[in-house]
Amino acid sequence: MNRRNFLRSSAGALAAAGIGLGSRVWGQGRREVSVGGQRITTVDVHTHTIIPGTMELIGATTPNNNENLIIGDSRIALMNRWGVDIEILSVNPFWYSLD
């Protein structure tokens, strides 16, 4: 595999993983990507999360009742189902406007 094909494959893998946890892709299946016959680490580069207990601190509920945003066993199970090895986490957009 030459460098151009590697970059194209890598970009496709990152784009597939980077879809994140949007509501339209909950049903997607596991996708394994390999380079030279070796499975590569799949990184979701844009993932929002809710840290357990934070919403209760301000008297709010989980946005859109989206339990899969919460860090925990169900989140890990979802990552396993999708074939995501690592997620780069950021807080959900709800917090952007808060001080």
Protein backbone atom coordinates (compact mmCIF):
# COMPACT_ATOMS: atom_id res chain seq x y z
CA MET A 1 0.00 0.00 0.00
CA ASN A 2 1.43 3.36 -0.95
CA ARG A 3 1.20 6.52 1.14
CA ARG A 4 -1.70 7.96 -0.86
CA ASN A 5 -3.83 4.82 -0.38
CA PHE A 6 -2.90 4.70 3.30
CA LEU A 7 -3.98 8.31 3.81
CA ARG A 8 -7.20 7.74 1.88
CA SER A 9 -7.97 4.65 3.98
CA SER A 10 -7.06 6.45 7.19
CA ALA A 11 -9.22 9.45 6.32
CA GLY A 12 -12.14 7.17 5.58
CA ALA A 13 -11.69 5.34 8.86
CA LEU A 14 -11.46 8.57 10.83
CA ALA A 15 -14.49 9.98 9.05
CA ALA A 16 -16.49 6.84 9.82
CA ALA A 17 -15.43 6.88 13.45
CA GLY A 18 -15.74 10.63 13.70
CA ILE A 19 -19.43 10.52 12.93
CA GLY A 20 -19.58 10.46 16.70
CA LEU A 21 -22.65 9.61 18.66
CA GLY A 22 -25.19 11.50 16.60
CA SER A 23 -28.75 10.28 16.82
CA ARG A 24 -28.90 9.33 13.12
CA VAL A 25 -26.14 6.72 13.38
CA TRP A 26 -27.17 4.76 16.47
CA GLY A 27 -27.94 1.70 14.37
CA GLN A 28 -24.64 1.48 12.55
CA GLY A 29 -22.72 -1.75 12.87
CA ARG A 30 -19.13 -2.47 13.73
CA ARG A 31 -16.61 -1.46 11.12
CA GLU A 32 -13.09 -2.83 11.26
CA VAL A 33 -10.34 -1.14 9.32
CA SER A 34 -7.03 -2.80 8.57
CA VAL A 35 -3.82 -1.69 6.93
CA GLY A 36 -1.54 -4.37 5.60
CA GLY A 37 -3.68 -7.03 7.26
CA GLN A 38 -3.30 -5.43 10.70
CA ARG A 39 -6.37 -4.02 12.44
CA ILE A 40 -5.75 -0.36 13.23
CA THR A 41 -6.89 1.54 16.29
CA THR A 42 -10.14 3.35 15.58
CA VAL A 43 -10.40 6.79 17.18
CA ASP A 44 -13.62 8.81 17.37
CA VAL A 45 -12.21 12.32 17.12
CA HIS A 46 -15.39 14.23 17.97
CA THR A 47 -17.40 12.79 20.83
CA HIS A 48 -19.55 14.61 23.35
CA THR A 49 -20.14 13.27 26.82
CA ILE A 50 -21.91 13.92 30.07
CA ILE A 51 -20.06 13.21 33.30
CA PRO A 52 -22.40 11.44 35.75
CA GLY A 53 -23.78 13.78 38.40
CA THR A 54 -23.04 17.05 36.60
CA MET A 55 -26.55 17.62 35.31
CA GLU A 56 -28.03 17.12 38.77
CA LEU A 57 -25.72 19.83 40.12
CA ILE A 58 -27.60 22.44 38.12
CA GLY A 59 -31.03 20.83 38.38
CA ALA A 60 -31.17 19.73 34.76
CA THR A 61 -31.76 16.43 33.03
CA THR A 62 -29.79 14.69 30.32
CA PRO A 63 -30.29 16.63 27.06
CA ASN A 64 -32.68 14.88 24.67
CA ASN A 65 -32.83 11.93 27.10
CA ASN A 66 -29.67 10.70 25.40
CA GLU A 67 -28.34 8.18 27.90
CA ASN A 68 -25.57 7.10 25.53
CA LEU A 69 -23.77 10.39 26.20
CA ILE A 70 -23.15 9.36 29.80
CA ILE A 71 -19.81 7.74 30.58
CA GLY A 72 -20.43 4.21 31.82
CA ASP A 73 -20.95 0.59 30.86
CA SER A 74 -23.54 1.32 28.16
CA ARG A 75 -21.15 3.79 26.51
CA ILE A 76 -18.34 1.20 26.48
CA ALA A 77 -20.74 -1.41 25.06
CA LEU A 78 -21.74 1.02 22.31
CA MET A 79 -18.08 1.72 21.49
CA ASN A 80 -17.43 -2.03 21.30
CA ARG A 81 -20.43 -2.54 19.01
CA TRP A 82 -19.19 0.20 16.68
CA GLY A 83 -15.55 -0.91 16.80
CA VAL A 84 -14.33 2.33 18.38
CA ASP A 85 -11.20 1.84 20.48
CA ILE A 86 -10.63 5.40 21.71
CA GLU A 87 -12.88 8.45 22.01
CA ILE A 88 -11.64 12.02 22.29
CA LEU A 89 -14.20 13.47 24.67
CA SER A 90 -15.58 16.96 24.97
CA VAL A 91 -18.51 18.23 26.98
CA ASN A 92 -21.89 18.38 25.32
CA PRO A 93 -22.97 21.70 23.72
CA PHE A 94 -25.35 22.42 26.62
CA TRP A 95 -22.40 23.72 28.66
CA TYR A 96 -21.03 26.11 26.01
CA SER A 97 -23.13 29.06 27.16
CA LEU A 98 -22.74 28.52 30.90
CA ASP A 99 -20.19 30.24 33.11
